[in-house]
Amino acid sequence: MIISEKRLIELQNEIGYTISSTDLLNIALTHSSYANENKGKFQHNERLEFLGDSILSLIVSEYFFLRFPDVSEGNLTKLRAGVVSERTLVNIAVSIDLGKYILLGKGEESTGGRKRASILADTLESLIAAIYLDGGLEQARIFVLKYFKDYIEQGLNGKGFRDYKTELQEILQQKSDLEIEYRIVEESGPDHDKAFVAKVYYGGEAIGSGFGKSKKEAEQQAACYALEVKPL
């Protein structure tokens, strides 16, 4: 099975870019669960996701590097982290309704995979890679700056990066001296593209969980959940 031409055209009209290779776009939208269920008859998008992650990071890094010639490496890293976070990727994926175009295995489909943050974020990165392979870096840059513009502006205004762990610690320490602990509870993916799930515990009770491409990002997302999704 491949995605119908009508749906592919619909997605490309939505993003304002036409990928000349239908096969490439299909791969970008194929989750590994679908490929596995079909015994390898179809290529999945994990390799594209790996490439797209790097391209996105390059484009955003270059933008901040050129815009802020006097900003330190550490602060440039914080600015970039605020823009290329999973939360941003998911928000953009939702804005273009990317979930409805993804090919998923029956198991992922039945458990809400179309709305799962990690799948949406990974598929958006795969789409960025497909645009890059089809149209080159300039077309990928146009796409990224178009959809990430608002998040980049937030970074420029000092709102792009929040240290959720520090914020959470400051709030909890005002309440009591109970221990705050972060644990990595799940690790998946190949060595070159790991994904982590972290939980934050307060006095032994789990108060937030988060996903990230690094342990630090997962812990930040867990703290964010505790602060914004499950108010203390």
Protein backbone atom coordinates (compact mmCIF):
# COMPACT_ATOMS: atom_id res chain seq x y z
CA MET A 1 0.00 0.00 0.00
CA ILE A 2 1.12 3.53 -0.72
CA ILE A 3 -0.58 6.80 0.10
CA SER A 4 -3.00 7.88 -2.61
CA GLU A 5 -1.89 10.54 -5.06
CA LYS A 6 -4.82 12.70 -3.98
CA ARG A 7 -3.68 12.72 -0.35
CA LEU A 8 -0.07 13.38 -1.30
CA ILE A 9 -1.16 16.35 -3.41
CA GLU A 10 -3.29 17.57 -0.50
CA LEU A 11 -0.29 17.51 1.85
CA GLN A 12 1.99 19.20 -0.66
CA ASN A 13 -0.58 21.93 -1.25
CA GLU A 14 -0.74 22.42 2.51
CA ILE A 15 3.02 22.89 2.90
CA GLY A 16 3.45 24.83 -0.33
CA TYR A 17 6.10 22.57 -1.83
CA THR A 18 5.86 19.70 -4.33
CA ILE A 19 8.31 16.81 -3.98
CA SER A 20 9.00 15.43 -7.45
CA SER A 21 9.54 11.86 -6.24
CA THR A 22 6.33 10.20 -5.03
CA ASP A 23 8.41 7.31 -3.69
CA LEU A 24 10.50 9.66 -1.55
CA LEU A 25 7.43 11.32 -0.05
CA ASN A 26 5.85 7.94 0.67
CA ILE A 27 8.97 6.83 2.52
CA ALA A 28 8.96 10.05 4.55
CA LEU A 29 5.41 9.26 5.69
CA THR A 30 5.92 5.55 6.42
CA HIS A 31 6.42 4.63 10.07
CA SER A 32 8.55 1.61 10.94
CA SER A 33 5.51 -0.18 12.42
CA TYR A 34 3.87 -0.23 8.98
CA ALA A 35 7.02 -1.47 7.24
CA ASN A 36 7.52 -4.18 9.89
CA GLU A 37 3.93 -5.41 9.60
CA ASN A 38 4.42 -5.71 5.84
CA LYS A 39 7.63 -7.69 6.28
CA GLY A 40 9.95 -5.14 4.75
CA LYS A 41 8.03 -4.59 1.52
CA PHE A 42 8.14 -0.85 2.16
CA GLN A 43 10.93 1.43 3.34
CA HIS A 44 10.27 3.33 6.57
CA ASN A 45 11.34 6.85 7.43
CA GLU A 46 13.92 6.35 10.20
CA ARG A 47 16.91 7.14 7.97
CA LEU A 48 15.17 10.24 6.65
CA GLU A 49 14.34 11.29 10.21
CA PHE A 50 18.04 11.01 11.11
CA LEU A 51 18.96 13.26 8.19
CA GLY A 52 16.12 15.71 8.79
CA ASP A 53 17.12 16.20 12.42
CA SER A 54 20.59 17.28 11.29
CA ILE A 55 19.29 19.54 8.54
CA LEU A 56 16.87 21.28 10.88
CA SER A 57 19.62 21.81 13.44
CA LEU A 58 21.95 23.19 10.75
CA ILE A 59 19.39 25.67 9.39
CA VAL A 60 18.40 26.99 12.82
CA SER A 61 22.02 27.08 14.02
CA GLU A 62 23.07 29.01 10.92
CA TYR A 63 20.21 31.49 11.37
CA PHE A 64 21.12 32.29 14.96
CA PHE A 65 24.85 32.27 14.21
CA LEU A 66 24.49 34.89 11.49
CA ARG A 67 21.87 36.93 13.37
CA PHE A 68 23.90 37.12 16.60
CA PRO A 69 27.64 37.40 15.79
CA ASP A 70 28.53 38.28 19.39
CA VAL A 71 26.46 35.68 21.25
CA SER A 72 28.38 32.88 22.99
CA GLU A 73 28.24 29.23 21.97
CA GLY A 74 26.35 28.35 25.14
CA ASN A 75 23.60 30.88 24.52
CA LEU A 76 23.36 29.93 20.85
CA THR A 77 22.84 26.34 21.98
CA LYS A 78 20.02 27.42 24.28
CA LEU A 79 18.36 29.42 21.52
CA ARG A 80 18.52 26.47 19.16
CA ALA A 81 17.25 24.04 21.78
CA GLY A 82 14.15 26.15 22.27
CA VAL A 83 13.36 26.09 18.56
CA VAL A 84 14.11 22.47 17.62
CA SER A 85 12.48 20.87 20.67
CA GLU A 86 9.99 18.05 20.31
CA ARG A 87 7.22 20.38 21.46
CA THR A 88 7.88 22.76 18.55
CA LEU A 89 8.03 19.90 16.05
CA VAL A 90 4.75 18.50 17.32
CA ASN A 91 3.02 21.89 17.22
CA ILE A 92 4.07 22.38 13.60
CA ALA A 93 3.11 18.82 12.65
CA VAL A 94 -0.35 19.39 14.14
CA SER A 95 -0.69 22.73 12.33
CA ILE A 96 -0.33 20.99 8.95
CA ASP A 97 -2.39 17.97 10.09
CA LEU A 98 0.57 15.70 9.36
CA GLY A 99 -0.78 12.84 11.47
CA LYS A 100 -3.52 11.93 9.03
CA TYR A 101 -1.03 11.24 6.23
CA ILE A 102 1.26 8.83 8.13
CA LEU A 103 1.27 5.11 7.28
CA LEU A 104 1.09 3.26 10.60
CA GLY A 105 0.96 -0.37 11.62
CA LYS A 106 -2.30 -1.63 13.08
CA GLY A 107 -0.88 -1.66 16.59
CA GLU A 108 0.28 1.94 16.47
CA GLU A 109 -2.99 2.95 14.80
CA SER A 110 -5.09 1.37 17.53
CA THR A 111 -3.14 3.03 20.34
CA GLY A 112 -3.38 6.58 19.03
CA GLY A 113 -0.13 6.71 17.07
CA ARG A 114 -1.35 9.51 14.82
CA LYS A 115 -1.35 11.84 17.81
CA ARG A 116 1.78 10.48 19.50
CA ALA A 117 4.34 13.23 19.96
CA SER A 118 7.39 11.17 19.04
CA ILE A 119 5.81 9.92 15.79
CA LEU A 120 4.65 13.39 14.73
CA ALA A 121 8.05 14.93 15.51
CA ASP A 122 9.98 12.20 13.70
CA THR A 123 7.73 12.37 10.64
CA LEU A 124 8.15 16.13 10.38
CA GLU A 125 11.93 15.67 10.45
CA SER A 126 11.56 13.03 7.73
CA LEU A 127 9.55 15.48 5.64
CA ILE A 128 12.29 18.10 6.03
CA ALA A 129 14.82 15.53 4.80
CA ALA A 130 12.64 14.67 1.81
CA ILE A 131 12.41 18.34 0.85
CA TYR A 132 16.19 18.64 1.21
CA LEU A 133 16.88 15.60 -0.97
CA ASP A 134 14.40 16.80 -3.59
CA GLY A 135 15.13 20.51 -3.71
CA GLY A 136 18.40 21.04 -1.89
CA LEU A 137 19.31 23.02 1.19
CA GLU A 138 17.68 26.26 0.00
CA GLN A 139 14.24 24.67 -0.33
CA ALA A 140 14.64 23.00 3.07
CA ARG A 141 15.65 26.38 4.52
CA ILE A 142 12.57 28.05 3.03
CA PHE A 143 10.33 25.39 4.57
CA VAL A 144 11.98 25.50 7.98
CA LEU A 145 12.03 29.29 8.25
CA LYS A 146 8.41 29.45 7.11
CA TYR A 147 7.06 27.05 9.72
CA PHE A 148 9.53 27.69 12.52
CA LYS A 149 9.43 31.49 12.17
CA ASP A 150 7.22 32.13 15.20
CA TYR A 151 9.37 29.90 17.40
CA ILE A 152 12.53 31.55 16.15
CA GLU A 153 11.03 34.94 16.99
CA GLN A 154 10.25 33.71 20.48
CA GLY A 155 13.90 32.79 20.80
CA LEU A 156 14.95 36.22 19.59
CA ASN A 157 12.69 37.78 22.21
CA GLY A 158 14.21 35.69 24.97
CA LYS A 159 11.27 33.31 25.20
CA GLY A 160 12.62 30.43 23.17
CA PHE A 161 14.37 28.53 25.91
CA ARG A 162 13.10 27.93 29.40
CA ASP A 163 15.04 25.96 31.95
CA TYR A 164 12.05 23.97 33.21
CA LYS A 165 14.16 21.94 35.64
CA THR A 166 15.37 25.04 37.44
CA GLU A 167 11.88 26.55 37.49
CA LEU A 168 10.42 23.35 38.92
CA GLN A 169 13.14 23.06 41.53
CA GLU A 170 12.59 26.63 42.71
CA ILE A 171 8.84 26.10 43.06
CA LEU A 172 9.13 22.77 44.86
CA GLN A 173 11.84 23.98 47.25
CA GLN A 174 9.47 26.72 48.40
CA LYS A 175 6.94 24.04 49.32
CA SER A 176 9.15 21.59 51.21
CA ASP A 177 12.54 19.91 51.28
CA LEU A 178 11.31 16.65 49.74
CA GLU A 179 13.74 15.10 47.27
CA ILE A 180 13.43 15.87 43.55
CA GLU A 181 14.72 13.05 41.36
CA TYR A 182 14.87 12.43 37.60
CA ARG A 183 14.97 8.90 36.22
CA ILE A 184 15.37 7.66 32.65
CA VAL A 185 12.66 5.00 32.49
CA GLU A 186 12.85 4.05 28.82
CA GLU A 187 15.49 4.09 26.09
CA SER A 188 14.91 3.14 22.47
CA GLY A 189 16.34 3.46 18.98
CA PRO A 190 19.71 2.70 17.38
CA ASP A 191 22.92 4.14 18.82
CA HIS A 192 23.02 7.00 16.31
CA ASP A 193 19.42 8.04 17.03
CA LYS A 194 18.49 7.30 20.63
CA ALA A 195 15.24 8.41 22.25
CA PHE A 196 14.62 8.64 25.98
CA VAL A 197 11.66 8.85 28.34
CA ALA A 198 12.27 10.51 31.71
CA LYS A 199 10.14 10.87 34.81
CA VAL A 200 10.52 13.41 37.59
CA TYR A 201 9.71 12.33 41.13
CA TYR A 202 8.92 14.56 44.09
CA GLY A 203 9.04 12.87 47.44
CA GLY A 204 8.94 9.51 45.67
CA GLU A 205 5.82 10.36 43.63
CA ALA A 206 5.99 10.72 39.83
CA ILE A 207 4.75 14.20 38.89
CA GLY A 208 5.79 14.42 35.23
CA SER A 209 7.17 12.52 32.26
CA GLY A 210 8.80 13.62 29.05
CA PHE A 211 10.36 12.40 25.80
CA GLY A 212 13.57 13.63 24.19
CA LYS A 213 16.40 12.82 21.81
CA SER A 214 18.80 13.18 24.74
CA LYS A 215 18.50 12.46 28.44
CA LYS A 216 18.69 16.18 29.19
CA GLU A 217 15.87 17.01 26.78
CA ALA A 218 13.69 14.23 28.21
CA GLU A 219 14.26 15.56 31.73
CA GLN A 220 13.43 19.11 30.60
CA GLN A 221 10.19 17.86 29.05
CA ALA A 222 9.31 15.95 32.23
CA ALA A 223 9.77 19.13 34.25
CA CYS A 224 7.73 21.04 31.68
CA TYR A 225 4.88 18.52 32.08
CA ALA A 226 4.98 18.94 35.85
CA LEU A 227 4.84 22.72 35.51
CA GLU A 228 2.32 23.20 32.71
CA VAL A 229 0.26 20.04 32.26
CA LYS A 230 -0.04 18.97 35.87
CA PRO A 231 0.03 22.21 37.87
CA LEU A 232 1.52 21.89 41.33
